[in-house]
Amino acid sequence: MQEFIMGVCLYTVFDILLSTKKLILVAWRYYSPIIIDFALKEEQERVRRNSERDKQDKEKSKCQYIVDFSYRKRLVMDAFKNFLKKKKVEKHFKKTGPGQKLDSGSSAPAPSITAGAAQGGGIDRIAASDIAAQAALKRLYKEPPKISSSQKKIQMIAQRELEEERRRRDPNYAMAQLGLQEKR
């Protein structure tokens, strides 16, 4: 009797497995195209995201290069500006002559300022302002540009053509060409 029950149980389990297999086959036939399309779309999306990420990384590296380049350029320009400042200061102090030490106890008379040293910078400024004023006056009182004879001929031809075109557009001119006159 136990063998019979065992046989029935085995038969039932086998029947369940067989029907499950049939259901899986039917479901696979129906859903396999959908699953395959989904898998392909997922793969395409993953590839697209990776390519976008690569593009963004390239853009970031380009931006980093540009930032580095502009930073280096700014450093060079700052160094150049500092160099020019030092040269200006050196030039200024060379013009003024030797100074007096503050810790020296002697009250020596102040060195006299020579006329050339005191006016050296002023003369340069005055000359520069005169040049700027002359340039401004030239701009204000500029003569009209001279037109060559060939340019005058071209202008006259263009004016004639424009006038002729205006006449052609005029309805009275068209009637006059036909020999008709407008009744008034």
Protein backbone atom coordinates (compact mmCIF):
# COMPACT_ATOMS: atom_id res chain seq x y z
CA MET A 1 0.00 0.00 0.00
CA GLN A 2 2.84 2.32 0.77
CA GLU A 3 4.29 1.62 -2.61
CA PHE A 4 1.01 2.58 -4.22
CA ILE A 5 0.88 5.86 -2.30
CA MET A 6 4.49 6.53 -3.19
CA GLY A 7 3.72 5.86 -6.85
CA VAL A 8 0.72 8.18 -6.81
CA CYS A 9 2.81 10.91 -5.12
CA LEU A 10 5.59 10.49 -7.65
CA TYR A 11 3.07 10.53 -10.49
CA THR A 12 1.50 13.71 -9.08
CA VAL A 13 4.88 15.42 -8.69
CA PHE A 14 5.87 14.36 -12.21
CA ASP A 15 2.54 15.63 -13.57
CA ILE A 16 3.02 18.98 -11.77
CA LEU A 17 6.55 19.32 -13.18
CA LEU A 18 5.34 18.45 -16.68
CA SER A 19 2.48 20.96 -16.56
CA THR A 20 4.85 23.62 -15.18
CA LYS A 21 7.22 22.94 -18.05
CA LYS A 22 4.36 23.33 -20.54
CA LEU A 23 3.35 26.62 -18.94
CA ILE A 24 6.93 27.86 -19.10
CA LEU A 25 7.17 26.95 -22.80
CA VAL A 26 3.91 28.73 -23.61
CA ALA A 27 4.97 31.79 -21.61
CA TRP A 28 8.39 31.80 -23.28
CA ARG A 29 6.86 31.70 -26.74
CA TYR A 30 4.60 34.61 -25.90
CA TYR A 31 6.99 36.75 -23.84
CA SER A 32 10.38 35.99 -25.43
CA PRO A 33 10.15 38.75 -28.10
CA ILE A 34 9.16 41.23 -25.40
CA ILE A 35 11.99 40.11 -23.14
CA ILE A 36 14.52 40.24 -25.98
CA ASP A 37 13.39 43.76 -26.99
CA PHE A 38 13.62 44.88 -23.39
CA ALA A 39 17.11 43.44 -23.04
CA LEU A 40 18.24 45.12 -26.28
CA LYS A 41 16.81 48.47 -25.21
CA GLU A 42 18.54 48.19 -21.84
CA GLU A 43 21.84 47.45 -23.57
CA GLN A 44 21.41 50.42 -25.93
CA GLU A 45 20.56 52.70 -23.01
CA ARG A 46 23.63 51.51 -21.10
CA VAL A 47 25.86 52.19 -24.12
CA ARG A 48 24.30 55.65 -24.59
CA ARG A 49 24.84 56.54 -20.93
CA ASN A 50 28.45 55.40 -21.10
CA SER A 51 29.05 57.47 -24.24
CA GLU A 52 27.44 60.53 -22.62
CA ARG A 53 29.59 60.02 -19.55
CA ASP A 54 32.66 59.80 -21.78
CA LYS A 55 31.64 63.02 -23.55
CA GLN A 56 31.15 64.76 -20.22
CA ASP A 57 34.54 63.55 -19.03
CA LYS A 58 36.14 64.88 -22.22
CA GLU A 59 34.37 68.24 -21.77
CA LYS A 60 35.53 68.39 -18.16
CA SER A 61 39.09 67.67 -19.21
CA LYS A 62 38.85 70.37 -21.90
CA CYS A 63 37.47 72.84 -19.37
CA GLN A 64 40.21 71.86 -16.95
CA TYR A 65 42.80 72.52 -19.65
CA ILE A 66 41.23 75.90 -20.42
CA VAL A 67 41.14 76.79 -16.72
CA ASP A 68 44.76 75.68 -16.32
CA PHE A 69 45.77 77.68 -19.39
CA SER A 70 43.96 80.82 -18.24
CA TYR A 71 45.44 80.43 -14.76
CA ARG A 72 48.94 80.13 -16.22
CA LYS A 73 48.29 83.09 -18.49
CA ARG A 74 47.13 85.15 -15.52
CA LEU A 75 50.25 84.19 -13.56
CA VAL A 76 52.48 85.27 -16.43
CA MET A 77 50.58 88.55 -16.79
CA ASP A 78 50.79 89.19 -13.03
CA ALA A 79 54.53 88.57 -13.12
CA PHE A 80 54.84 90.97 -16.05
CA LYS A 81 52.81 93.64 -14.22
CA ASN A 82 54.97 93.24 -11.12
CA PHE A 83 58.10 93.60 -13.25
CA LEU A 84 56.77 96.83 -14.78
CA LYS A 85 55.86 98.18 -11.33
CA LYS A 86 59.37 97.51 -10.09
CA LYS A 87 60.85 99.29 -13.10
CA LYS A 88 58.61 102.32 -12.51
CA VAL A 89 59.60 102.48 -8.85
CA GLU A 90 63.29 102.15 -9.72
CA LYS A 91 62.99 104.92 -12.32
CA HIS A 92 61.20 107.17 -9.82
CA PHE A 93 63.79 106.65 -7.09
CA LYS A 94 66.69 107.14 -9.50
CA LYS A 95 65.26 110.55 -10.45
CA THR A 96 64.86 111.69 -6.85
CA GLY A 97 68.50 111.14 -5.95
CA PRO A 98 70.05 109.91 -2.70
CA GLY A 99 67.87 110.00 0.38
CA GLN A 100 68.59 110.74 4.03
CA LYS A 101 68.76 108.01 6.67
CA LEU A 102 66.21 108.47 9.41
CA ASP A 103 68.42 107.09 12.19
CA SER A 104 71.24 109.54 11.54
CA GLY A 105 71.33 112.21 14.22
CA SER A 106 72.82 114.93 12.08
CA SER A 107 70.38 117.49 10.87
CA ALA A 108 71.90 118.10 7.51
CA PRO A 109 70.13 120.54 5.26
CA ALA A 110 67.67 118.96 2.87
CA PRO A 111 69.18 118.34 -0.53
CA SER A 112 68.13 120.91 -3.06
CA ILE A 113 65.95 119.67 -5.86
CA THR A 114 67.26 120.41 -9.28
CA ALA A 115 64.88 121.90 -11.79
CA GLY A 116 65.24 119.05 -14.30
CA ALA A 117 64.49 116.33 -11.78
CA ALA A 118 61.42 118.10 -10.43
CA GLN A 119 59.94 118.85 -13.82
CA GLY A 120 61.05 115.67 -15.65
CA GLY A 121 57.80 113.78 -15.14
CA GLY A 122 55.69 116.90 -15.66
CA ILE A 123 57.21 117.64 -19.03
CA ASP A 124 56.50 114.11 -20.19
CA ARG A 125 52.90 114.41 -19.05
CA ILE A 126 52.43 117.78 -20.74
CA ALA A 127 53.88 116.48 -24.01
CA ALA A 128 51.62 113.44 -23.89
CA SER A 129 48.54 115.57 -23.20
CA ASP A 130 49.47 117.91 -26.08
CA ILE A 131 49.74 114.98 -28.46
CA ALA A 132 46.39 113.64 -27.28
CA ALA A 133 44.78 117.06 -27.74
CA GLN A 134 46.13 117.36 -31.28
CA ALA A 135 44.82 113.91 -32.15
CA ALA A 136 41.38 114.83 -30.77
CA LEU A 137 41.31 118.02 -32.83
CA LYS A 138 42.22 116.10 -35.97
CA ARG A 139 39.33 113.72 -35.32
CA LEU A 140 36.91 116.60 -34.78
CA TYR A 141 37.91 118.62 -37.84
CA LYS A 142 38.49 115.74 -40.19
CA GLU A 143 38.07 116.56 -43.87
CA PRO A 144 35.53 114.57 -45.83
CA PRO A 145 37.20 111.72 -47.70
CA LYS A 146 38.22 112.59 -51.24
CA ILE A 147 36.37 110.65 -53.90
CA SER A 148 38.29 109.57 -56.97
CA SER A 149 36.93 110.10 -60.47
CA SER A 150 36.19 106.40 -60.94
CA GLN A 151 34.15 106.37 -57.74
CA LYS A 152 32.24 109.46 -58.94
CA LYS A 153 31.45 107.71 -62.24
CA ILE A 154 30.20 104.64 -60.41
CA GLN A 155 27.99 106.81 -58.18
CA MET A 156 26.53 108.65 -61.18
CA ILE A 157 25.75 105.38 -62.99
CA ALA A 158 24.09 103.98 -59.88
CA GLN A 159 21.99 107.15 -59.46
CA ARG A 160 20.88 107.00 -63.10
CA GLU A 161 19.86 103.36 -62.73
CA LEU A 162 17.90 104.10 -59.55
CA GLU A 163 16.12 107.03 -61.20
CA GLU A 164 15.25 104.89 -64.23
CA GLU A 165 13.87 102.18 -61.96
CA ARG A 166 11.73 104.74 -60.10
CA ARG A 167 10.35 106.00 -63.41
CA ARG A 168 9.51 102.47 -64.56
CA ARG A 169 7.55 101.86 -61.37
CA ASP A 170 5.55 105.06 -61.83
CA PRO A 171 2.20 104.27 -63.56
CA ASN A 172 2.16 107.65 -65.37
CA TYR A 173 5.51 106.84 -66.97
CA ALA A 174 4.20 103.44 -68.10
CA MET A 175 1.17 105.07 -69.74
CA ALA A 176 3.38 107.67 -71.39
CA GLN A 177 5.48 104.89 -72.87
CA LEU A 178 2.33 103.36 -74.34
CA GLY A 179 1.26 106.72 -75.71
CA LEU A 180 -1.67 107.06 -73.35
CA GLN A 181 -2.43 109.88 -71.00
CA GLU A 182 -4.51 109.80 -67.88
CA LYS A 183 -7.85 111.56 -68.18
CA ARG A 184 -8.41 114.25 -65.62
